[in-house]
Amino acid sequence: MDTHSLAIQSWAFYALAISIIFARLIFRRIMLKSFADLQADDWIMVSLLLPFTAFIVLTNLVSNSSTQQQRTHRYVLEELQLVITCFVKVCLLILYWRIFPVAFSILRRRYVQIVSAICVISFLIIQISLLSWCQPAHMEDNPHCLTYHNHTIVSLTLSTLTTFLVLILPTPFIPTPRRFLLAILTATGTLTLVFGIFARCLVLTAPDSRTYLFFYITEPTLLIIFANLPFLASLVVSTAPARIREFGRSISFLRDGGDTPLSPWPRSRRASVPSLRMPPLGASLLESTTTVMGGEPERKEWTITTPVTRPGSVKSGFETWKRSSSNAGWPLPG
């Protein structure tokens, strides 16, 4: 791959990833009404802007630099890729913890805890291996700092494991009625895994080639797309015309064999009539500012206004449904 093609592709991916991050922030601003109410995963995603920008710049520098400069740039590039992938996976784990309610997803929450521990251990092992085999103070005399052979083997094993556990395995259990969104997430997670494997295999088989840089750029870009895609989908739905939203509701489905629709992941604040059968859980909504970690959830007053048509009448009206979080169900309208 020539330098010009790499520059075009890298900056195109950069523009795509940055646009998706800003689209997420716009959606969160609409839902939460203030940037001050952004949650932990939102701020982590914002903090990714700086290392991801440096990552794209260094990718182009590695393709143009001489051997001595390349070793320095390549070392920082490895560090940045490790930080970016780790941060995105942390965002997803925080999101999974929030969308799986305490009362109904005990096993899934246990899974999130176990995977979080695996990700932390993997990050430490990869970081220690990088520092052990390629010390910055002795970079010029160490041939491993040019090929990163041993470090790549460790990174290939652990990164593949954590990517599968965070991006692919939990996707079927995500509580959303949007089949198309789940299909896109599954495809994106699979592509992220494949590109990550290709990048490290190329480093092992052809260390002198620069082809691996294309896959190095693609993997974190797909990670960012995966982590922000649900917010982008909700932004499109919340701003779409009513006819499109109604069509989206008509193709929604119920999962796990029950009659109760799943809580949104994430959805706009517009409520549909079927959603009245289950009160919203503050711990499972992305637009909620409350994450229930344990104990009693915060008591809130919920109000939904829905259009209705009385029997024997052709005119439509509106009814308001109110429910306190301490009540057992939705009361009948007065």
Protein backbone atom coordinates (compact mmCIF):
# COMPACT_ATOMS: atom_id res chain seq x y z
CA MET A 1 0.00 0.00 0.00
CA ASP A 2 1.48 3.35 -1.01
CA THR A 3 1.71 6.33 1.31
CA HIS A 4 -0.86 8.40 -0.57
CA SER A 5 -3.55 5.71 -0.39
CA LEU A 6 -2.88 5.16 3.29
CA ALA A 7 -3.24 8.88 4.01
CA ILE A 8 -6.57 9.08 2.16
CA GLN A 9 -8.01 6.02 3.89
CA SER A 10 -6.74 6.94 7.34
CA TRP A 11 -8.19 10.45 7.30
CA ALA A 12 -11.45 9.19 5.77
CA PHE A 13 -11.80 6.74 8.66
CA TYR A 14 -10.89 9.52 11.08
CA ALA A 15 -13.64 11.78 9.71
CA LEU A 16 -16.16 8.92 9.93
CA ALA A 17 -15.27 8.04 13.54
CA ILE A 18 -15.27 11.65 14.73
CA SER A 19 -18.63 12.30 13.05
CA ILE A 20 -20.16 9.31 14.80
CA ILE A 21 -18.81 10.42 18.18
CA PHE A 22 -20.31 13.89 17.72
CA ALA A 23 -23.62 12.33 16.62
CA ARG A 24 -23.63 10.40 19.90
CA LEU A 25 -23.06 13.61 21.85
CA ILE A 26 -25.93 15.31 20.00
CA PHE A 27 -28.28 12.45 20.88
CA ARG A 28 -27.21 12.47 24.51
CA ARG A 29 -27.68 16.23 24.68
CA ILE A 30 -31.22 15.83 23.33
CA MET A 31 -32.05 13.06 25.80
CA LEU A 32 -30.38 14.45 28.92
CA LYS A 33 -31.09 18.15 28.18
CA SER A 34 -27.59 19.17 29.30
CA PHE A 35 -23.99 18.22 28.64
CA ALA A 36 -23.44 18.35 32.39
CA ASP A 37 -25.56 15.20 32.74
CA LEU A 38 -23.39 13.09 30.44
CA GLN A 39 -22.50 9.74 31.97
CA ALA A 40 -19.17 7.99 32.45
CA ASP A 41 -19.15 6.19 29.09
CA ASP A 42 -19.96 9.45 27.29
CA TRP A 43 -16.98 11.22 28.82
CA ILE A 44 -14.69 8.29 28.07
CA MET A 45 -15.78 8.47 24.44
CA VAL A 46 -15.06 12.21 24.38
CA SER A 47 -11.61 11.58 25.85
CA LEU A 48 -10.88 9.21 22.94
CA LEU A 49 -10.76 12.14 20.51
CA LEU A 50 -7.19 13.05 21.49
CA PRO A 51 -5.53 9.58 21.36
CA PHE A 52 -7.43 8.65 18.20
CA THR A 53 -6.21 11.82 16.47
CA ALA A 54 -2.64 11.08 17.53
CA PHE A 55 -3.09 7.49 16.36
CA ILE A 56 -4.03 8.57 12.82
CA VAL A 57 -1.15 11.05 12.65
CA LEU A 58 1.40 8.48 13.83
CA THR A 59 0.10 5.88 11.39
CA ASN A 60 1.03 8.17 8.53
CA LEU A 61 4.37 9.03 10.14
CA VAL A 62 5.30 5.35 10.49
CA SER A 63 4.73 4.82 6.77
CA ASN A 64 7.03 7.75 5.90
CA SER A 65 9.76 7.65 8.56
CA SER A 66 13.20 6.10 8.46
CA THR A 67 14.24 3.16 10.64
CA GLN A 68 15.28 5.20 13.68
CA GLN A 69 12.21 7.42 13.61
CA GLN A 70 9.99 4.48 12.79
CA ARG A 71 10.92 2.66 16.00
CA THR A 72 9.87 5.62 18.13
CA HIS A 73 6.66 6.23 16.19
CA ARG A 74 5.80 2.53 16.11
CA TYR A 75 6.20 2.19 19.88
CA VAL A 76 3.82 5.10 20.52
CA LEU A 77 1.46 3.68 17.89
CA GLU A 78 1.29 0.37 19.76
CA GLU A 79 0.57 2.19 23.01
CA LEU A 80 -2.18 4.31 21.45
CA GLN A 81 -3.87 1.33 19.85
CA LEU A 82 -3.87 -0.46 23.19
CA VAL A 83 -5.35 2.58 24.96
CA ILE A 84 -8.04 3.18 22.30
CA THR A 85 -9.26 -0.42 22.23
CA CYS A 86 -9.26 -0.57 26.02
CA PHE A 87 -11.25 2.67 26.38
CA VAL A 88 -13.88 1.60 23.85
CA LYS A 89 -14.35 -1.75 25.57
CA VAL A 90 -14.71 0.04 28.91
CA CYS A 91 -17.47 2.19 27.36
CA LEU A 92 -19.29 -0.93 26.19
CA LEU A 93 -18.97 -2.67 29.55
CA ILE A 94 -20.39 0.39 31.32
CA LEU A 95 -23.23 0.42 28.81
CA TYR A 96 -23.97 -3.28 29.33
CA TRP A 97 -24.02 -2.76 33.09
CA ARG A 98 -26.59 0.00 32.70
CA ILE A 99 -28.94 -1.69 30.23
CA PHE A 100 -29.19 -4.99 32.09
CA PRO A 101 -31.61 -4.37 35.02
CA VAL A 102 -30.61 -5.65 38.44
CA ALA A 103 -33.83 -7.58 39.03
CA PHE A 104 -34.00 -9.42 35.70
CA SER A 105 -30.39 -9.81 34.50
CA ILE A 106 -28.40 -11.19 37.41
CA LEU A 107 -26.49 -13.69 35.26
CA ARG A 108 -25.80 -11.10 32.57
CA ARG A 109 -24.51 -8.66 35.15
CA ARG A 110 -22.29 -11.40 36.54
CA TYR A 111 -21.02 -11.93 33.01
CA VAL A 112 -20.18 -8.22 32.70
CA GLN A 113 -18.23 -8.39 35.95
CA ILE A 114 -16.23 -11.43 34.81
CA VAL A 115 -15.49 -9.94 31.39
CA SER A 116 -14.42 -6.66 33.01
CA ALA A 117 -11.90 -8.54 35.13
CA ILE A 118 -10.62 -10.41 32.05
CA CYS A 119 -10.21 -7.11 30.16
CA VAL A 120 -8.24 -5.53 33.02
CA ILE A 121 -5.93 -8.55 33.30
CA SER A 122 -5.46 -8.65 29.51
CA PHE A 123 -4.60 -4.95 29.38
CA LEU A 124 -1.98 -5.36 32.10
CA ILE A 125 -0.42 -8.41 30.44
CA ILE A 126 -0.20 -6.72 27.03
CA GLN A 127 1.22 -3.54 28.56
CA ILE A 128 3.82 -5.45 30.58
CA SER A 129 4.83 -7.49 27.55
CA LEU A 130 5.33 -4.34 25.50
CA LEU A 131 7.50 -2.75 28.18
CA SER A 132 9.46 -5.97 28.76
CA TRP A 133 10.33 -6.79 25.17
CA CYS A 134 10.79 -3.24 23.90
CA GLN A 135 12.08 -0.85 26.53
CA PRO A 136 12.01 2.78 25.40
CA ALA A 137 15.47 3.45 26.86
CA HIS A 138 17.10 0.69 24.75
CA MET A 139 14.97 0.95 21.64
CA GLU A 140 17.87 1.45 19.19
CA ASP A 141 19.69 -1.75 20.22
CA ASN A 142 16.64 -4.00 20.39
CA PRO A 143 15.52 -5.60 17.09
CA HIS A 144 12.21 -6.54 18.69
CA CYS A 145 11.26 -2.85 18.66
CA LEU A 146 11.13 -3.10 14.88
CA THR A 147 9.14 -6.32 14.46
CA TYR A 148 7.23 -6.61 17.80
CA HIS A 149 7.01 -10.36 17.19
CA ASN A 150 6.56 -11.61 20.76
CA HIS A 151 4.33 -8.72 21.77
CA THR A 152 2.14 -9.28 18.71
CA ILE A 153 1.58 -12.93 19.67
CA VAL A 154 0.42 -11.92 23.16
CA SER A 155 -1.70 -9.09 21.77
CA LEU A 156 -3.27 -11.36 19.13
CA THR A 157 -4.33 -13.92 21.73
CA LEU A 158 -5.71 -11.58 24.39
CA SER A 159 -7.21 -8.94 22.08
CA THR A 160 -9.08 -11.60 20.12
CA LEU A 161 -10.44 -13.05 23.36
CA THR A 162 -11.63 -9.73 24.80
CA THR A 163 -13.08 -8.56 21.48
CA PHE A 164 -15.14 -11.74 21.24
CA LEU A 165 -16.32 -11.46 24.85
CA VAL A 166 -17.22 -7.75 24.65
CA LEU A 167 -18.44 -7.22 21.08
CA ILE A 168 -19.82 -10.52 19.78
CA LEU A 169 -21.04 -12.74 22.61
CA PRO A 170 -23.32 -10.19 24.40
CA THR A 171 -24.96 -8.87 21.21
CA PRO A 172 -27.87 -11.40 21.06
CA PHE A 173 -28.84 -10.49 24.64
CA ILE A 174 -29.03 -6.74 24.07
CA PRO A 175 -32.56 -5.59 25.06
CA THR A 176 -33.75 -3.88 21.89
CA PRO A 177 -36.65 -4.71 19.56
CA ARG A 178 -34.67 -3.59 16.49
CA ARG A 179 -33.57 -6.65 14.57
CA PHE A 180 -31.75 -4.61 11.96
CA LEU A 181 -29.66 -2.84 14.62
CA LEU A 182 -28.66 -6.18 16.16
CA ALA A 183 -27.67 -7.49 12.72
CA ILE A 184 -25.49 -4.45 12.06
CA LEU A 185 -23.88 -4.72 15.50
CA THR A 186 -23.13 -8.41 14.94
CA ALA A 187 -21.59 -7.70 11.53
CA THR A 188 -19.54 -4.78 12.87
CA GLY A 189 -18.27 -6.82 15.82
CA THR A 190 -17.29 -9.69 13.53
CA LEU A 191 -15.45 -7.35 11.15
CA THR A 192 -13.61 -5.79 14.09
CA LEU A 193 -12.45 -9.22 15.20
CA VAL A 194 -11.39 -10.22 11.68
CA PHE A 195 -9.48 -7.00 10.97
CA GLY A 196 -7.71 -7.23 14.33
CA ILE A 197 -6.56 -10.78 13.55
CA PHE A 198 -5.45 -9.81 10.03
CA ALA A 199 -3.42 -6.85 11.32
CA ARG A 200 -1.45 -8.93 13.82
CA CYS A 201 -0.99 -11.85 11.42
CA LEU A 202 0.53 -9.46 8.88
CA VAL A 203 2.92 -8.12 11.52
CA LEU A 204 4.03 -11.71 12.23
CA THR A 205 4.34 -12.85 8.61
CA ALA A 206 5.50 -9.64 6.87
CA PRO A 207 7.05 -7.27 9.45
CA ASP A 208 8.79 -5.19 6.76
CA SER A 209 5.56 -4.48 4.89
CA ARG A 210 3.31 -1.53 5.66
CA THR A 211 0.09 -3.32 4.72
CA TYR A 212 -0.72 -3.98 8.38
CA LEU A 213 -1.22 -0.23 8.92
CA PHE A 214 -4.49 -0.33 6.98
CA PHE A 215 -5.86 -2.96 9.37
CA TYR A 216 -4.41 -1.08 12.34
CA ILE A 217 -6.55 1.91 11.34
CA THR A 218 -9.66 -0.13 10.56
CA GLU A 219 -9.85 -2.02 13.87
CA PRO A 220 -10.19 1.00 16.25
CA THR A 221 -12.47 2.75 13.75
CA LEU A 222 -14.88 -0.20 13.74
CA LEU A 223 -14.68 -0.34 17.53
CA ILE A 224 -15.77 3.29 17.77
CA ILE A 225 -18.58 2.69 15.27
CA PHE A 226 -19.81 -0.33 17.25
CA ALA A 227 -19.84 1.56 20.56
CA ASN A 228 -21.73 4.56 19.14
CA LEU A 229 -24.04 2.91 16.62
CA PRO A 230 -27.00 2.44 19.02
CA PHE A 231 -26.97 6.15 19.85
CA LEU A 232 -26.77 7.06 16.17
CA ALA A 233 -29.71 4.76 15.38
CA SER A 234 -31.79 6.34 18.14
CA LEU A 235 -30.92 9.83 16.89
CA VAL A 236 -32.15 8.90 13.40
CA VAL A 237 -35.35 7.38 14.78
CA SER A 238 -36.08 10.34 17.08
CA THR A 239 -35.75 12.80 14.19
CA ALA A 240 -37.48 10.65 11.56
CA PRO A 241 -41.00 11.41 10.29
CA ALA A 242 -43.91 9.80 12.14
CA ARG A 243 -44.66 7.39 9.27
CA ILE A 244 -41.15 5.93 9.42
CA ARG A 245 -41.32 5.61 13.21
CA GLU A 246 -44.65 3.79 12.93
CA PHE A 247 -43.16 1.41 10.37
CA GLY A 248 -40.27 0.76 12.76
CA ARG A 249 -42.72 -0.09 15.53
CA SER A 250 -44.67 -2.43 13.26
CA ILE A 251 -41.60 -4.60 12.61
CA SER A 252 -40.52 -4.67 16.25
CA PHE A 253 -40.56 -8.06 17.85
CA LEU A 254 -40.87 -9.66 21.28
CA ARG A 255 -38.06 -11.90 22.45
CA ASP A 256 -37.61 -14.68 24.99
CA GLY A 257 -41.17 -15.90 24.36
CA GLY A 258 -42.83 -13.29 26.55
CA ASP A 259 -45.61 -10.81 25.98
CA THR A 260 -43.74 -7.91 27.57
CA PRO A 261 -41.69 -5.72 25.25
CA LEU A 262 -38.07 -5.20 26.11
CA SER A 263 -36.71 -2.00 27.52
CA PRO A 264 -35.09 0.27 24.93
CA TRP A 265 -31.39 0.32 24.00
CA PRO A 266 -31.47 3.26 23.56
CA ARG A 267 -34.75 4.76 22.37
CA SER A 268 -36.11 8.26 22.05
CA ARG A 269 -38.47 9.67 24.67
CA ARG A 270 -41.47 9.10 22.38
CA ALA A 271 -43.61 6.36 23.92
CA SER A 272 -45.63 3.81 22.02
CA VAL A 273 -48.88 2.29 23.28
CA PRO A 274 -47.41 -1.22 23.80
CA SER A 275 -44.74 0.23 26.06
CA LEU A 276 -47.45 1.11 28.61
CA ARG A 277 -47.60 -2.51 29.65
CA MET A 278 -44.22 -2.32 31.32
CA PRO A 279 -43.06 0.71 33.33
CA PRO A 280 -39.66 2.03 32.29
CA LEU A 281 -36.74 1.08 34.48
CA GLY A 282 -34.32 3.90 35.25
CA ALA A 283 -31.46 1.46 35.42
CA SER A 284 -32.06 0.13 31.91
CA LEU A 285 -32.56 3.32 29.91
CA LEU A 286 -29.60 4.95 28.19
CA GLU A 287 -31.29 8.31 28.44
CA SER A 288 -31.67 7.93 32.22
CA THR A 289 -29.20 9.71 34.44
CA THR A 290 -29.56 7.03 37.12
CA THR A 291 -27.61 3.80 37.21
CA VAL A 292 -28.82 1.45 39.93
CA MET A 293 -25.82 -0.38 41.33
CA GLY A 294 -27.66 -1.89 44.31
CA GLY A 295 -30.27 -1.19 46.93
CA GLU A 296 -33.51 0.65 46.27
CA PRO A 297 -33.85 2.69 43.05
CA GLU A 298 -34.79 6.33 43.15
CA ARG A 299 -38.58 6.91 43.26
CA LYS A 300 -39.88 8.93 40.33
CA GLU A 301 -43.20 10.03 38.88
CA TRP A 302 -43.80 8.78 35.33
CA THR A 303 -46.35 10.40 33.01
CA ILE A 304 -47.23 9.33 29.48
CA THR A 305 -49.77 10.98 27.18
CA THR A 306 -51.07 8.77 24.38
CA PRO A 307 -53.66 9.30 21.62
CA VAL A 308 -56.79 7.12 21.99
CA THR A 309 -60.07 6.64 20.14
CA ARG A 310 -63.16 5.92 22.22
CA PRO A 311 -65.42 3.00 21.14
CA GLY A 312 -68.26 4.24 18.97
CA SER A 313 -66.52 7.52 18.22
CA VAL A 314 -64.51 8.56 15.18
CA LYS A 315 -62.74 11.34 17.03
CA SER A 316 -59.38 10.88 18.65
CA GLY A 317 -58.39 12.33 21.97
CA PHE A 318 -55.53 12.17 24.45
CA GLU A 319 -55.27 10.48 27.83
CA THR A 320 -52.61 10.92 30.46
CA TRP A 321 -51.29 7.92 32.36
CA LYS A 322 -49.44 8.48 35.63
CA ARG A 323 -47.49 6.04 37.70
CA SER A 324 -45.16 6.34 40.68
CA SER A 325 -42.15 4.05 40.76
CA SER A 326 -43.48 2.60 44.03
CA ASN A 327 -46.72 1.36 42.40
CA ALA A 328 -47.12 -2.17 41.07
CA GLY A 329 -48.44 -1.24 37.63
CA TRP A 330 -50.01 1.36 35.44
CA PRO A 331 -53.36 2.70 36.74
CA LEU A 332 -56.36 3.00 34.49
CA PRO A 333 -57.02 6.50 33.15
CA GLY A 334 -59.67 8.53 34.94
